[in-house]
């Protein structure tokens, strides 16, 4: 089910002021909050086929404005705007039932870099969040960045 807030984020950002009949129409618009972006991510997850949702049971999705400095350093990313999302945990194929207590797998979506990307590209916010979330879910399933890029190329 897609709710009204999700529909609002599935419209393209105007690329020029002339896209609107009123050049000041942007004034009441605001970027989604952390909570609103988390709700949008939850709606994306809810639209996945049941077999994939079942494999995401226990997966935690969080939204923060930016990655931490520690994450940026660990990933070798120079700019706080250079990372849209992050999977943290052990991919499903690499988990062991005999391993000691494991923390849940987590996906972080970074609001400000996502909004910056949205402002710079002709894609809907919903499509961008979907892409980032699916990429990170791919890591949850055990796929590498190269695996995910190959899958994306096959379906493009």
Protein backbone atom coordinates (compact mmCIF):
# COMPACT_ATOMS: atom_id res chain seq x y z
CA UNK A 1 0.00 0.00 0.00
CA UNK A 2 1.36 3.42 -0.93
CA UNK A 3 0.33 6.25 1.33
CA UNK A 4 -0.06 9.90 0.43
CA UNK A 5 3.38 10.87 1.82
CA UNK A 6 5.02 8.27 -0.39
CA UNK A 7 3.12 9.50 -3.43
CA UNK A 8 4.38 13.02 -2.74
CA UNK A 9 7.95 11.76 -2.90
CA UNK A 10 7.34 9.93 -6.16
CA UNK A 11 7.06 13.14 -8.13
CA UNK A 12 10.04 14.65 -9.87
CA UNK A 13 11.74 17.71 -8.47
CA UNK A 14 11.27 20.67 -10.79
CA UNK A 15 14.46 21.19 -12.74
CA UNK A 16 13.74 24.82 -13.53
CA UNK A 17 11.62 27.51 -11.93
CA UNK A 18 9.61 27.66 -15.16
CA UNK A 19 8.41 24.08 -14.51
CA UNK A 20 5.80 25.56 -12.17
CA UNK A 21 3.21 28.10 -13.28
CA UNK A 22 4.02 30.03 -10.10
CA UNK A 23 7.77 30.54 -9.64
CA UNK A 24 7.25 30.88 -5.87
CA UNK A 25 5.30 27.62 -5.59
CA UNK A 26 8.35 25.94 -4.05
CA UNK A 27 8.09 28.06 -0.89
CA UNK A 28 5.76 25.75 1.09
CA UNK A 29 7.70 22.64 0.06
CA UNK A 30 10.09 21.11 2.54
CA UNK A 31 12.50 18.24 2.56
CA UNK A 32 11.24 15.09 4.30
CA UNK A 33 12.28 14.66 7.92
CA UNK A 34 14.22 11.69 9.25
CA UNK A 35 10.94 10.08 10.31
CA UNK A 36 9.26 10.71 6.93
CA UNK A 37 12.23 9.19 5.08
CA UNK A 38 12.14 6.17 7.40
CA UNK A 39 8.41 5.77 6.67
CA UNK A 40 9.14 5.95 2.93
CA UNK A 41 11.84 3.27 3.32
CA UNK A 42 9.38 1.10 5.24
CA UNK A 43 6.86 1.44 2.43
CA UNK A 44 9.51 0.42 -0.11
CA UNK A 45 10.31 -2.64 2.01
CA UNK A 46 6.60 -3.47 2.30
CA UNK A 47 6.28 -3.53 -1.50
CA UNK A 48 8.97 -6.19 -1.92
CA UNK A 49 7.76 -9.67 -2.83
CA UNK A 50 6.89 -11.73 0.25
CA UNK A 51 9.82 -14.14 -0.20
CA UNK A 52 12.28 -11.21 -0.02
CA UNK A 53 10.47 -9.62 2.93
CA UNK A 54 10.71 -12.95 4.74
CA UNK A 55 14.50 -12.91 4.23
CA UNK A 56 14.58 -9.37 5.64
CA UNK A 57 12.94 -10.44 8.89
CA UNK A 58 14.94 -8.87 11.71
CA UNK A 59 16.71 -6.42 9.37
CA UNK A 60 16.77 -2.98 10.99
CA UNK A 61 16.47 0.11 8.81
CA UNK A 62 17.56 3.45 10.24
CA UNK A 63 17.78 6.94 8.78
CA UNK A 64 20.31 9.50 9.90
CA UNK A 65 21.25 12.87 8.44
CA UNK A 66 24.87 11.90 7.69
CA UNK A 67 27.23 8.98 8.17
CA UNK A 68 29.52 9.29 11.19
CA UNK A 69 33.12 10.39 10.74
CA UNK A 70 34.16 6.86 11.73
CA UNK A 71 32.05 5.35 8.93
CA UNK A 72 33.46 7.82 6.40
CA UNK A 73 37.01 7.00 7.49
CA UNK A 74 36.37 3.23 7.42
CA UNK A 75 34.83 3.46 3.94
CA UNK A 76 37.51 5.83 2.62
CA UNK A 77 34.87 8.42 1.66
CA UNK A 78 36.08 12.03 1.61
CA UNK A 79 32.75 13.86 1.76
CA UNK A 80 29.82 13.40 4.12
CA UNK A 81 27.67 13.64 0.97
CA UNK A 82 29.53 10.74 -0.69
CA UNK A 83 27.61 7.89 0.96
CA UNK A 84 23.85 7.45 0.50
CA UNK A 85 23.43 4.22 2.46
CA UNK A 86 25.31 1.54 4.34
CA UNK A 87 24.76 -2.11 5.24
CA UNK A 88 26.23 -3.10 8.59
CA UNK A 89 26.27 -6.71 9.64
CA UNK A 90 26.93 -10.20 8.35
CA UNK A 91 25.30 -11.19 5.06
CA UNK A 92 22.79 -14.02 5.34
CA UNK A 93 24.97 -16.61 3.55
CA UNK A 94 27.83 -15.91 5.96
CA UNK A 95 25.89 -16.20 9.20
CA UNK A 96 26.46 -19.19 11.41
CA UNK A 97 23.88 -20.72 13.70
CA UNK A 98 26.68 -21.78 16.05
CA UNK A 99 28.15 -18.28 16.29
CA UNK A 100 27.71 -16.42 19.56
CA UNK A 101 24.97 -13.83 19.86
CA UNK A 102 24.94 -11.66 16.74
CA UNK A 103 23.68 -8.12 16.44
CA UNK A 104 20.88 -7.66 13.90
CA UNK A 105 21.82 -6.62 10.39
CA UNK A 106 21.25 -2.92 9.87
CA UNK A 107 20.81 -0.66 6.89
CA UNK A 108 21.51 3.03 7.28
CA UNK A 109 20.04 5.54 4.85
CA UNK A 110 21.64 8.96 4.96
CA UNK A 111 19.01 11.65 4.50
CA UNK A 112 21.07 14.70 3.54
CA UNK A 113 23.21 12.93 0.90
CA UNK A 114 20.03 11.33 -0.52
CA UNK A 115 18.32 14.74 -0.68
CA UNK A 116 21.40 16.27 -2.28
CA UNK A 117 21.43 13.51 -4.92
CA UNK A 118 17.69 14.06 -5.49
CA UNK A 119 18.22 17.78 -6.05
CA UNK A 120 20.97 17.09 -8.60
CA UNK A 121 19.22 14.35 -10.63
CA UNK A 122 16.00 13.91 -12.55
CA UNK A 123 14.68 11.03 -10.45
CA UNK A 124 11.93 10.87 -7.88
CA UNK A 125 12.88 10.68 -4.24
CA UNK A 126 10.94 7.43 -4.01
CA UNK A 127 13.00 5.91 -6.82
CA UNK A 128 16.27 7.00 -5.21
CA UNK A 129 15.31 5.60 -1.80
CA UNK A 130 14.19 2.37 -3.49
CA UNK A 131 17.50 2.06 -5.34
CA UNK A 132 19.64 2.72 -2.24
CA UNK A 133 17.56 0.43 -0.04
CA UNK A 134 17.61 -2.43 -2.57
CA UNK A 135 21.37 -2.02 -2.99
CA UNK A 136 21.88 -2.33 0.76
CA UNK A 137 19.43 -5.25 0.99
CA UNK A 138 21.61 -6.91 -1.66
CA UNK A 139 24.49 -6.77 0.84
CA UNK A 140 22.17 -8.28 3.47
CA UNK A 141 21.65 -11.16 1.02
CA UNK A 142 25.45 -11.51 0.73
CA UNK A 143 26.03 -9.80 -2.61
CA UNK A 144 29.14 -7.68 -3.20
CA UNK A 145 29.06 -4.25 -4.86
CA UNK A 146 30.25 -5.96 -8.04
CA UNK A 147 27.45 -8.56 -7.85
CA UNK A 148 24.86 -5.82 -7.36
CA UNK A 149 26.26 -3.74 -10.26
CA UNK A 150 26.08 -6.81 -12.54
CA UNK A 151 22.46 -7.46 -11.52
CA UNK A 152 21.56 -3.81 -12.12
CA UNK A 153 23.24 -3.90 -15.55
CA UNK A 154 21.29 -7.04 -16.48
CA UNK A 155 17.95 -5.44 -15.70
CA UNK A 156 18.70 -2.00 -17.15
